[in-house]
Amino acid sequence: MKFQAGSADDYTKQVGMTLSEIAYADPQNIPRQLAYKHYAGGGVYQLQWLGVTAGNLMYVCRQPGVDQWVVVIRGSMTDPLTEAFWVDWFLQDLTVFEQVPLPFGQRYNGGARISWGACEGLDDLIGMRDRTTGRTLVEFLQGAVKFAPGSVVVAGHSLGGALASVLTPYLYETLGRPNNHPASAFFALTFAAPTAGDARFASYLSGLFDGYPFRFENNLDIVPHCWSLAGLDWITRSYQPRPLISAFFRGLVDTVWLALYEENLHYVQPGAGVIDSAGLIQEYWWFKEAGHQHAGQTYLKMYGAPSVIFPVPPSSPVPARDARPRPPLEAR
């Protein structure tokens, strides 16, 4: 099977989210994760291209014999001891208080603007090179893809989804339009993505990609509500009757809301979105509930897919054999 344009079915949700979650693995373990047959997708995808920078990771995989290439972008790292954490959060995720013109498709995008952080992330992805061949993503796709409808899928969770919404039209404007390839050769598959740009950017995506049908979210996840003013309002009222947002986090959200409002910065999600619900677990702490609702593993469970395990488990999900008893010291 492969991803089909216009079909938000279980395969699309389960396999798309699984591939997005695998992007959080250690880079050297991604081939083994892709080959693990007990995940959604059955272990049929093979790694074709892999790039890593200080802040981002992106890989390309495909099924043998299938002309569909899946570009997967990692979301934000959560370990503050890694350099990627600081790049992801403070150069890309949270840098939303300035919008810049979309740096491609100027004749067609209607004056669309995206956040400075999304533009920074796009620049990083464009310049990224495969760890083995040294080729950029564009150079690789140019030599490998036929660009028939559905040939290039760009997927990601969280920040990875936001960057996928920017990288997908970039690939079309770079590889598609100049060579008369149809826009249907490319589509984005995003999970739990925050907004990347303004209403003109959302309109540009919806017009280019048939309504932008593959934006998936959990209706209890706060991240897709960022960074629209209405979405930030929703966050302050989230998880009724409990856990209620604390005064500290409400103050942070209110500060962001006011800063965006005073700078007249408006963000809009593209398309209607495919909305599911993971259900409240009513954690004692609002921040913990928010983290649970956003987690990739929560999305996998919501879609009925097996969890992705780090590091990759043995080839079959059976209990590990007990270690052989050590011989007594005197026998050594």
Foldseek 3Di string as FASTA:
>chain_A
DDDDAPDPDLLLLQVLLQLQVLQPADVVQSQVLLQQQQFRVRSQKGWDFWWDDQAWIWTWIDGPPDLAIEIYIHAADDDPVGSNNCCRVPQAVPQALDWDFLPFPPVQLQRWIWGRNLVVVLVCQQCTAGPPPRHHPLVVCVPRHPQDQNNYEYEHAESSQQNQLSVQVVSCRVPNPVVVRALRSYAYAYELYAFTTAPSSLVSSCVRRVQRARYAYAPQALRNLPDALVSLVCLQVGDPPDDHADPVVNVVSVVSSVSCVVSVGGTDHHGPYDYDHLDFPRDNHPVVRNCCRRDSQSSSVRSVIDGRDPPHDPSDPDDDDDDDDDDDPVVD
